């Protein structure tokens, strides 16, 4: 059975859930098969108006009729939501959590060890259907359910399955936090261009399009980024001079340090959440 035939329930209807719902609808999933749950009726009305999906303020009744339940609430309230749902999952739906820092074993403890659970780390470019999602599943998740999870998140971008849950911390540092690194680069390029006399609007468009085009070349050509970089560099040319400055300032080492700091913080937050919810 394909995703289009499944009933999908979103518990929590924030920005990421809205992005996923929008991606599903735009990819052809019937809006009538999707229900979004949140406590604020006004917010639900906005989502319904945008995508035509069903809405509810009652988590349990919505979840009972779902084949797939996407837990998209904040990590701090996830335990309460799971305890609310736990006694109403006898139909054994596929459960997908996008809450950062809450590990599979913790989710199993809250929902029941027999439940099929997938953890996903999406990122904010999902809002423009260019997301990057890392996924990991517990032992109860079947190959068909993995395929459904892939199909679901493919609606908002790239999907990659991880081989170990510990890799989620690296995914958090890489693609979860990564958009902010790129925004910082665009901001820096834009500011430098303005200082050199380009108007702000033109500088922003050229910087953003340059990043977009370079990323697309990496994905489409299959050529390593290092080689693509060298293809732009002519001996004694402008690009070579700029790259020399980056290398002198140890740009790669700086990026590595920043990503390690993000991964370390992800570990800290996971430990903190586990301690709070023990």
C-alpha atoms as a PDB file:
ATOM      1  CA  UNK A   1       0.000   0.000   0.000  1.00  0.00           C
ATOM      2  CA  UNK A   2       1.374   3.416  -0.962  1.00  0.00           C
ATOM      3  CA  UNK A   3       1.435   6.535   1.170  1.00  0.00           C
ATOM      4  CA  UNK A   4      -1.515   7.957  -0.781  1.00  0.00           C
ATOM      5  CA  UNK A   5      -3.742   5.246   0.713  1.00  0.00           C
ATOM      6  CA  UNK A   6      -2.689   5.889   4.313  1.00  0.00           C
ATOM      7  CA  UNK A   7      -4.374   8.019   6.950  1.00  0.00           C
ATOM      8  CA  UNK A   8      -1.760  10.389   8.390  1.00  0.00           C
ATOM      9  CA  UNK A   9      -2.118  12.228  11.691  1.00  0.00           C
ATOM     10  CA  UNK A  10       0.137  15.082  12.795  1.00  0.00           C
ATOM     11  CA  UNK A  11       0.213  15.644  16.557  1.00  0.00           C
ATOM     12  CA  UNK A  12       1.497  19.205  16.686  1.00  0.00           C
ATOM     13  CA  UNK A  13       1.044  21.599  13.789  1.00  0.00           C
ATOM     14  CA  UNK A  14       3.982  24.003  13.928  1.00  0.00           C
ATOM     15  CA  UNK A  15       6.198  25.207  11.082  1.00  0.00           C
ATOM     16  CA  UNK A  16       7.818  21.854  10.360  1.00  0.00           C
ATOM     17  CA  UNK A  17       4.532  19.940  10.423  1.00  0.00           C
ATOM     18  CA  UNK A  18       3.019  22.580   8.146  1.00  0.00           C
ATOM     19  CA  UNK A  19       5.959  22.185   5.745  1.00  0.00           C
ATOM     20  CA  UNK A  20       5.582  18.393   5.673  1.00  0.00           C
ATOM     21  CA  UNK A  21       1.819  18.614   5.183  1.00  0.00           C
ATOM     22  CA  UNK A  22       2.313  21.090   2.344  1.00  0.00           C
ATOM     23  CA  UNK A  23       4.893  18.831   0.723  1.00  0.00           C
ATOM     24  CA  UNK A  24       2.604  15.821   0.925  1.00  0.00           C
ATOM     25  CA  UNK A  25      -0.361  17.649  -0.581  1.00  0.00           C
ATOM     26  CA  UNK A  26       1.772  19.122  -3.361  1.00  0.00           C
ATOM     27  CA  UNK A  27       3.151  15.648  -4.102  1.00  0.00           C
ATOM     28  CA  UNK A  28      -0.362  14.289  -4.581  1.00  0.00           C
ATOM     29  CA  UNK A  29      -1.373  12.848  -1.197  1.00  0.00           C
ATOM     30  CA  UNK A  30      -5.088  13.452  -0.710  1.00  0.00           C
ATOM     31  CA  UNK A  31      -5.698  16.246   1.791  1.00  0.00           C
ATOM     32  CA  UNK A  32      -8.667  14.280   3.096  1.00  0.00           C
ATOM     33  CA  UNK A  33      -6.283  11.575   4.332  1.00  0.00           C
ATOM     34  CA  UNK A  34      -4.376  14.027   6.551  1.00  0.00           C
ATOM     35  CA  UNK A  35      -5.408  15.397   9.925  1.00  0.00           C
ATOM     36  CA  UNK A  36      -3.483  17.996  11.935  1.00  0.00           C
ATOM     37  CA  UNK A  37      -3.893  18.325  15.704  1.00  0.00           C
ATOM     38  CA  UNK A  38      -3.087  21.351  17.839  1.00  0.00           C
ATOM     39  CA  UNK A  39      -4.655  23.104  20.849  1.00  0.00           C
ATOM     40  CA  UNK A  40      -5.266  26.439  19.083  1.00  0.00           C
ATOM     41  CA  UNK A  41      -8.282  26.392  16.786  1.00  0.00           C
ATOM     42  CA  UNK A  42      -7.226  29.608  15.018  1.00  0.00           C
ATOM     43  CA  UNK A  43      -3.916  28.034  14.031  1.00  0.00           C
ATOM     44  CA  UNK A  44      -5.639  24.911  12.762  1.00  0.00           C
ATOM     45  CA  UNK A  45      -7.980  27.013  10.645  1.00  0.00           C
ATOM     46  CA  UNK A  46      -4.948  28.541   8.908  1.00  0.00           C
ATOM     47  CA  UNK A  47      -3.553  25.107   8.078  1.00  0.00           C
ATOM     48  CA  UNK A  48      -6.927  23.881   6.851  1.00  0.00           C
ATOM     49  CA  UNK A  49      -7.304  26.956   4.645  1.00  0.00           C
ATOM     50  CA  UNK A  50      -3.819  26.500   3.215  1.00  0.00           C
ATOM     51  CA  UNK A  51      -3.923  22.764   2.461  1.00  0.00           C
ATOM     52  CA  UNK A  52      -7.510  21.573   2.830  1.00  0.00           C
ATOM     53  CA  UNK A  53      -6.643  18.963   5.469  1.00  0.00           C
ATOM     54  CA  UNK A  54      -8.797  17.894   8.400  1.00  0.00           C
ATOM     55  CA  UNK A  55      -7.997  19.353  11.819  1.00  0.00           C
ATOM     56  CA  UNK A  56      -8.714  18.461  15.421  1.00  0.00           C
ATOM     57  CA  UNK A  57      -7.943  19.613  18.946  1.00  0.00           C
ATOM     58  CA  UNK A  58      -8.289  16.026  20.223  1.00  0.00           C
ATOM     59  CA  UNK A  59      -5.100  13.990  19.827  1.00  0.00           C
ATOM     60  CA  UNK A  60      -6.486  10.624  20.836  1.00  0.00           C
ATOM     61  CA  UNK A  61      -9.498  10.528  18.509  1.00  0.00           C
ATOM     62  CA  UNK A  62      -7.387  11.687  15.573  1.00  0.00           C
ATOM     63  CA  UNK A  63      -4.622   9.164  16.272  1.00  0.00           C
ATOM     64  CA  UNK A  64      -6.997   6.218  16.627  1.00  0.00           C
ATOM     65  CA  UNK A  65      -7.951   6.426  12.968  1.00  0.00           C
ATOM     66  CA  UNK A  66      -4.409   6.918  11.634  1.00  0.00           C
ATOM     67  CA  UNK A  67      -2.045   4.520   9.887  1.00  0.00           C
ATOM     68  CA  UNK A  68       0.851   6.916  10.463  1.00  0.00           C
ATOM     69  CA  UNK A  69       1.234   9.270  13.426  1.00  0.00           C
ATOM     70  CA  UNK A  70       3.791  12.063  13.147  1.00  0.00           C
ATOM     71  CA  UNK A  71       4.805  13.419  16.548  1.00  0.00           C
ATOM     72  CA  UNK A  72       5.731  17.025  15.802  1.00  0.00           C
ATOM     73  CA  UNK A  73       5.338  18.683  19.195  1.00  0.00           C
ATOM     74  CA  UNK A  74       8.173  20.308  21.140  1.00  0.00           C
ATOM     75  CA  UNK A  75      10.471  17.836  22.952  1.00  0.00           C
ATOM     76  CA  UNK A  76       9.487  19.293  26.325  1.00  0.00           C
ATOM     77  CA  UNK A  77       5.852  18.192  25.941  1.00  0.00           C
ATOM     78  CA  UNK A  78       6.405  14.941  24.036  1.00  0.00           C
ATOM     79  CA  UNK A  79       6.273  12.695  27.113  1.00  0.00           C
ATOM     80  CA  UNK A  80       2.837  14.036  28.045  1.00  0.00           C
ATOM     81  CA  UNK A  81       1.573  13.496  24.488  1.00  0.00           C
ATOM     82  CA  UNK A  82       2.977   9.952  24.342  1.00  0.00           C
ATOM     83  CA  UNK A  83       1.388   8.999  27.652  1.00  0.00           C
ATOM     84  CA  UNK A  84      -1.904  10.386  26.355  1.00  0.00           C
ATOM     85  CA  UNK A  85      -1.686   8.223  23.235  1.00  0.00           C
ATOM     86  CA  UNK A  86      -0.112   5.045  24.649  1.00  0.00           C
ATOM     87  CA  UNK A  87      -3.339   3.294  25.604  1.00  0.00           C
ATOM     88  CA  UNK A  88      -4.926   3.992  22.219  1.00  0.00           C
ATOM     89  CA  UNK A  89      -2.391   2.423  19.851  1.00  0.00           C
ATOM     90  CA  UNK A  90      -3.676  -1.156  19.704  1.00  0.00           C
ATOM     91  CA  UNK A  91      -3.980  -0.774  15.915  1.00  0.00           C
ATOM     92  CA  UNK A  92      -0.159  -0.390  15.901  1.00  0.00           C
ATOM     93  CA  UNK A  93       0.333   2.536  13.532  1.00  0.00           C
ATOM     94  CA  UNK A  94       3.734   3.644  12.310  1.00  0.00           C
ATOM     95  CA  UNK A  95       4.889   6.369  14.685  1.00  0.00           C
ATOM     96  CA  UNK A  96       7.356   9.002  13.481  1.00  0.00           C
ATOM     97  CA  UNK A  97       8.955  11.494  15.871  1.00  0.00           C
ATOM     98  CA  UNK A  98      10.641  14.675  14.658  1.00  0.00           C
ATOM     99  CA  UNK A  99      11.368  15.859  18.209  1.00  0.00           C
ATOM    100  CA  UNK A 100      15.075  16.562  18.642  1.00  0.00           C
ATOM    101  CA  UNK A 101      16.952  14.741  21.394  1.00  0.00           C
ATOM    102  CA  UNK A 102      14.336  12.121  22.312  1.00  0.00           C
ATOM    103  CA  UNK A 103      15.868   8.708  21.636  1.00  0.00           C
ATOM    104  CA  UNK A 104      14.105   5.603  20.337  1.00  0.00           C
ATOM    105  CA  UNK A 105      14.359   3.732  23.642  1.00  0.00           C
ATOM    106  CA  UNK A 106      12.750   6.639  25.470  1.00  0.00           C
ATOM    107  CA  UNK A 107       9.932   6.752  22.920  1.00  0.00           C
ATOM    108  CA  UNK A 108       9.441   2.993  23.301  1.00  0.00           C
ATOM    109  CA  UNK A 109       9.242   3.375  27.070  1.00  0.00           C
ATOM    110  CA  UNK A 110       6.548   6.014  26.678  1.00  0.00           C
ATOM    111  CA  UNK A 111       4.551   4.390  23.880  1.00  0.00           C
ATOM    112  CA  UNK A 112       5.137   0.676  24.379  1.00  0.00           C
ATOM    113  CA  UNK A 113       7.924  -1.609  23.183  1.00  0.00           C
ATOM    114  CA  UNK A 114       5.714  -3.214  20.546  1.00  0.00           C
ATOM    115  CA  UNK A 115       5.267   0.023  18.589  1.00  0.00           C
ATOM    116  CA  UNK A 116       7.036   0.676  15.278  1.00  0.00           C
ATOM    117  CA  UNK A 117       8.892   3.971  15.736  1.00  0.00           C
ATOM    118  CA  UNK A 118      10.999   6.095  13.389  1.00  0.00           C
ATOM    119  CA  UNK A 119      13.050   9.110  14.470  1.00  0.00           C
ATOM    120  CA  UNK A 120      13.608  11.840  11.920  1.00  0.00           C
ATOM    121  CA  UNK A 121      15.744  14.970  11.927  1.00  0.00           C
ATOM    122  CA  UNK A 122      14.369  17.246   9.166  1.00  0.00           C
ATOM    123  CA  UNK A 123      15.552  20.818   8.592  1.00  0.00           C
ATOM    124  CA  UNK A 124      13.994  24.184   7.846  1.00  0.00           C
ATOM    125  CA  UNK A 125      14.482  24.179   4.028  1.00  0.00           C
ATOM    126  CA  UNK A 126      11.638  21.671   4.137  1.00  0.00           C
ATOM    127  CA  UNK A 127       9.490  24.808   4.066  1.00  0.00           C
ATOM    128  CA  UNK A 128      10.500  25.278   0.405  1.00  0.00           C
ATOM    129  CA  UNK A 129      10.531  21.512  -0.329  1.00  0.00           C
ATOM    130  CA  UNK A 130      14.355  21.416  -0.289  1.00  0.00           C
ATOM    131  CA  UNK A 131      14.835  19.746   3.071  1.00  0.00           C
ATOM    132  CA  UNK A 132      17.363  17.129   4.155  1.00  0.00           C
ATOM    133  CA  UNK A 133      16.118  14.478   6.589  1.00  0.00           C
ATOM    134  CA  UNK A 134      18.069  11.827   8.480  1.00  0.00           C
ATOM    135  CA  UNK A 135      16.049   8.801   9.700  1.00  0.00           C
ATOM    136  CA  UNK A 136      16.575   5.861  12.047  1.00  0.00           C
ATOM    137  CA  UNK A 137      14.089   3.101  12.943  1.00  0.00           C
ATOM    138  CA  UNK A 138      13.612   0.668  15.801  1.00  0.00           C
ATOM    139  CA  UNK A 139      13.482  -3.089  15.273  1.00  0.00           C
ATOM    140  CA  UNK A 140       9.690  -3.137  14.996  1.00  0.00           C
ATOM    141  CA  UNK A 141       9.657  -1.038  11.814  1.00  0.00           C
ATOM    142  CA  UNK A 142       9.100  -3.179   8.706  1.00  0.00           C
ATOM    143  CA  UNK A 143      10.673  -2.583   5.312  1.00  0.00           C
ATOM    144  CA  UNK A 144       7.283  -1.428   4.037  1.00  0.00           C
ATOM    145  CA  UNK A 145       7.072   1.093   6.865  1.00  0.00           C
ATOM    146  CA  UNK A 146      10.573   2.316   6.074  1.00  0.00           C
ATOM    147  CA  UNK A 147       9.478   2.786   2.480  1.00  0.00           C
ATOM    148  CA  UNK A 148       6.430   4.767   3.649  1.00  0.00           C
ATOM    149  CA  UNK A 149       8.674   6.956   5.832  1.00  0.00           C
ATOM    150  CA  UNK A 150      10.975   7.588   2.885  1.00  0.00           C
ATOM    151  CA  UNK A 151       8.019   8.506   0.700  1.00  0.00           C
ATOM    152  CA  UNK A 152       6.618  10.827   3.360  1.00  0.00           C
ATOM    153  CA  UNK A 153       9.793  12.849   3.854  1.00  0.00           C
ATOM    154  CA  UNK A 154      10.716  12.759   0.160  1.00  0.00           C
ATOM    155  CA  UNK A 155       7.813  15.173  -0.232  1.00  0.00           C
ATOM    156  CA  UNK A 156       9.943  17.864   1.412  1.00  0.00           C
ATOM    157  CA  UNK A 157      13.390  16.993   0.071  1.00  0.00           C
ATOM    158  CA  UNK A 158      16.236  14.495   0.414  1.00  0.00           C
ATOM    159  CA  UNK A 159      15.961  11.445   2.703  1.00  0.00           C
ATOM    160  CA  UNK A 160      18.876   9.453   4.121  1.00  0.00           C
ATOM    161  CA  UNK A 161      18.648   6.464   6.496  1.00  0.00           C
ATOM    162  CA  UNK A 162      21.279   6.209   9.215  1.00  0.00           C
ATOM    163  CA  UNK A 163      23.001   3.026  10.347  1.00  0.00           C
ATOM    164  CA  UNK A 164      23.173   3.995  14.041  1.00  0.00           C
ATOM    165  CA  UNK A 165      21.118   6.271  16.260  1.00  0.00           C
ATOM    166  CA  UNK A 166      24.273   7.938  17.593  1.00  0.00           C
ATOM    167  CA  UNK A 167      24.694   9.455  14.121  1.00  0.00           C
ATOM    168  CA  UNK A 168      21.664  11.656  14.820  1.00  0.00           C
ATOM    169  CA  UNK A 169      23.970  14.036  16.700  1.00  0.00           C
ATOM    170  CA  UNK A 170      26.113  14.458  13.588  1.00  0.00           C
ATOM    171  CA  UNK A 171      23.023  14.894  11.416  1.00  0.00           C
ATOM    172  CA  UNK A 172      21.886  17.599  13.836  1.00  0.00           C
ATOM    173  CA  UNK A 173      25.226  19.371  13.394  1.00  0.00           C
ATOM    174  CA  UNK A 174      25.307  18.809   9.624  1.00  0.00           C
ATOM    175  CA  UNK A 175      21.855  19.287   8.126  1.00  0.00           C
ATOM    176  CA  UNK A 176      19.817  20.246  11.182  1.00  0.00           C
ATOM    177  CA  UNK A 177      21.910  23.275  12.108  1.00  0.00           C
ATOM    178  CA  UNK A 178      23.547  23.507   8.689  1.00  0.00           C
ATOM    179  CA  UNK A 179      21.119  25.969   7.076  1.00  0.00           C
ATOM    180  CA  UNK A 180      22.231  28.585   9.614  1.00  0.00           C
ATOM    181  CA  UNK A 181      25.857  28.124   8.516  1.00  0.00           C
ATOM    182  CA  UNK A 182      24.839  28.746   4.907  1.00  0.00           C
ATOM    183  CA  UNK A 183      22.734  31.763   5.862  1.00  0.00           C
ATOM    184  CA  UNK A 184      25.816  33.129   7.631  1.00  0.00           C
ATOM    185  CA  UNK A 185      27.874  32.615   4.454  1.00  0.00           C
ATOM    186  CA  UNK A 186      25.235  34.340   2.322  1.00  0.00           C
ATOM    187  CA  UNK A 187      25.068  37.181   4.843  1.00  0.00           C
ATOM    188  CA  UNK A 188      28.850  37.577   4.752  1.00  0.00           C
ATOM    189  CA  UNK A 189      29.032  37.522   0.939  1.00  0.00           C
ATOM    190  CA  UNK A 190      26.150  39.992   0.724  1.00  0.00           C
ATOM    191  CA  UNK A 191      27.774  42.397   3.198  1.00  0.00           C
ATOM    192  CA  UNK A 192      31.123  42.246   1.407  1.00  0.00           C
ATOM    193  CA  UNK A 193      29.469  42.949  -1.948  1.00  0.00           C
ATOM    194  CA  UNK A 194      27.613  45.937  -0.506  1.00  0.00           C
ATOM    195  CA  UNK A 195      30.865  47.303   0.890  1.00  0.00           C
ATOM    196  CA  UNK A 196      32.344  46.991  -2.604  1.00  0.00           C
ATOM    197  CA  UNK A 197      29.508  49.045  -4.113  1.00  0.00           C
ATOM    198  CA  UNK A 198      26.764  46.600  -5.170  1.00  0.00           C
ATOM    199  CA  UNK A 199      23.237  47.525  -4.065  1.00  0.00           C
ATOM    200  CA  UNK A 200      21.793  45.405  -1.254  1.00  0.00           C
ATOM    201  CA  UNK A 201      19.024  43.719  -3.257  1.00  0.00           C
ATOM    202  CA  UNK A 202      21.344  42.676  -6.076  1.00  0.00           C
ATOM    203  CA  UNK A 203      23.994  41.477  -3.624  1.00  0.00           C
ATOM    204  CA  UNK A 204      21.520  39.255  -1.794  1.00  0.00           C
ATOM    205  CA  UNK A 205      20.092  37.728  -4.952  1.00  0.00           C
ATOM    206  CA  UNK A 206      23.503  37.003  -6.450  1.00  0.00           C
ATOM    207  CA  UNK A 207      24.830  35.519  -3.194  1.00  0.00           C
ATOM    208  CA  UNK A 208      21.786  33.311  -2.642  1.00  0.00           C
ATOM    209  CA  UNK A 209      21.612  32.122  -6.250  1.00  0.00           C
ATOM    210  CA  UNK A 210      25.339  31.346  -6.196  1.00  0.00           C
ATOM    211  CA  UNK A 211      24.909  29.102  -3.157  1.00  0.00           C
ATOM    212  CA  UNK A 212      21.826  27.462  -4.676  1.00  0.00           C
ATOM    213  CA  UNK A 213      23.568  26.789  -7.983  1.00  0.00           C
ATOM    214  CA  UNK A 214      26.740  25.453  -6.385  1.00  0.00           C
ATOM    215  CA  UNK A 215      24.742  23.065  -4.180  1.00  0.00           C
ATOM    216  CA  UNK A 216      22.755  21.846  -7.181  1.00  0.00           C
ATOM    217  CA  UNK A 217      25.985  21.123  -9.063  1.00  0.00           C
ATOM    218  CA  UNK A 218      27.204  18.923  -6.207  1.00  0.00           C
ATOM    219  CA  UNK A 219      23.947  16.953  -6.214  1.00  0.00           C
ATOM    220  CA  UNK A 220      23.487  16.719  -9.979  1.00  0.00           C
ATOM    221  CA  UNK A 221      27.017  16.119 -11.277  1.00  0.00           C
ATOM    222  CA  UNK A 222      28.278  13.601  -8.735  1.00  0.00           C
ATOM    223  CA  UNK A 223      31.635  15.373  -8.848  1.00  0.00           C
ATOM    224  CA  UNK A 224      33.382  15.843  -5.496  1.00  0.00           C
ATOM    225  CA  UNK A 225      33.164  19.391  -4.076  1.00  0.00           C
ATOM    226  CA  UNK A 226      36.958  19.634  -4.006  1.00  0.00           C
ATOM    227  CA  UNK A 227      37.129  18.986  -7.764  1.00  0.00           C
ATOM    228  CA  UNK A 228      34.283  21.402  -8.502  1.00  0.00           C
ATOM    229  CA  UNK A 229      36.198  24.013  -6.509  1.00  0.00           C
ATOM    230  CA  UNK A 230      39.322  23.369  -8.576  1.00  0.00           C
ATOM    231  CA  UNK A 231      37.304  23.630 -11.790  1.00  0.00           C
ATOM    232  CA  UNK A 232      36.491  27.247 -10.877  1.00  0.00           C
ATOM    233  CA  UNK A 233      40.088  28.081  -9.992  1.00  0.00           C
ATOM    234  CA  UNK A 234      42.445  29.262 -12.724  1.00  0.00           C
ATOM    235  CA  UNK A 235      46.152  29.514 -11.879  1.00  0.00           C
ATOM    236  CA  UNK A 236      46.853  33.045 -10.707  1.00  0.00           C
ATOM    237  CA  UNK A 237      43.184  33.987 -11.011  1.00  0.00           C
ATOM    238  CA  UNK A 238      40.637  35.627  -8.743  1.00  0.00           C
ATOM    239  CA  UNK A 239      39.164  32.442  -7.273  1.00  0.00           C
ATOM    240  CA  UNK A 240      42.564  31.035  -6.392  1.00  0.00           C
ATOM    241  CA  UNK A 241      43.406  34.256  -4.555  1.00  0.00           C
ATOM    242  CA  UNK A 242      40.158  34.083  -2.559  1.00  0.00           C
ATOM    243  CA  UNK A 243      40.609  30.401  -1.684  1.00  0.00           C
ATOM    244  CA  UNK A 244      44.127  31.130  -0.458  1.00  0.00           C
ATOM    245  CA  UNK A 245      42.649  33.572   2.064  1.00  0.00           C
ATOM    246  CA  UNK A 246      40.131  30.964   3.267  1.00  0.00           C
ATOM    247  CA  UNK A 247      42.914  28.400   3.646  1.00  0.00           C
ATOM    248  CA  UNK A 248      45.195  30.821   5.485  1.00  0.00           C
ATOM    249  CA  UNK A 249      42.381  31.468   7.957  1.00  0.00           C
ATOM    250  CA  UNK A 250      41.848  27.681   8.312  1.00  0.00           C
ATOM    251  CA  UNK A 251      38.276  27.748   7.049  1.00  0.00           C
ATOM    252  CA  UNK A 252      37.846  23.941   7.019  1.00  0.00           C
ATOM    253  CA  UNK A 253      39.127  23.622  10.573  1.00  0.00           C
ATOM    254  CA  UNK A 254      36.741  26.367  11.698  1.00  0.00           C
ATOM    255  CA  UNK A 255      33.778  24.574  10.138  1.00  0.00           C
ATOM    256  CA  UNK A 256      34.854  21.317  11.769  1.00  0.00           C
ATOM    257  CA  UNK A 257      35.084  22.999  15.169  1.00  0.00           C
ATOM    258  CA  UNK A 258      31.642  24.573  14.739  1.00  0.00           C
ATOM    259  CA  UNK A 259      30.057  21.252  13.762  1.00  0.00           C
ATOM    260  CA  UNK A 260      31.715  19.483  16.684  1.00  0.00           C
ATOM    261  CA  UNK A 261      30.336  22.141  19.024  1.00  0.00           C
ATOM    262  CA  UNK A 262      26.852  21.586  17.606  1.00  0.00           C
ATOM    263  CA  UNK A 263      27.138  17.800  17.912  1.00  0.00           C
ATOM    264  CA  UNK A 264      28.405  18.121  21.498  1.00  0.00           C
ATOM    265  CA  UNK A 265      25.479  20.366  22.366  1.00  0.00           C
ATOM    266  CA  UNK A 266      23.094  17.847  20.790  1.00  0.00           C
ATOM    267  CA  UNK A 267      24.535  15.172  23.098  1.00  0.00           C
ATOM    268  CA  UNK A 268      24.161  17.478  26.100  1.00  0.00           C
ATOM    269  CA  UNK A 269      20.549  18.284  25.269  1.00  0.00           C
ATOM    270  CA  UNK A 270      19.698  14.611  24.730  1.00  0.00           C
ATOM    271  CA  UNK A 271      21.177  13.751  28.129  1.00  0.00           C
ATOM    272  CA  UNK A 272      19.322  16.646  29.734  1.00  0.00           C
ATOM    273  CA  UNK A 273      16.002  15.619  28.208  1.00  0.00           C
ATOM    274  CA  UNK A 274      16.544  12.003  29.271  1.00  0.00           C
ATOM    275  CA  UNK A 275      17.308  13.105  32.824  1.00  0.00           C
ATOM    276  CA  UNK A 276      14.243  15.344  32.956  1.00  0.00           C
ATOM    277  CA  UNK A 277      11.940  12.644  31.626  1.00  0.00           C
ATOM    278  CA  UNK A 278      13.363   9.735  33.655  1.00  0.00           C
END
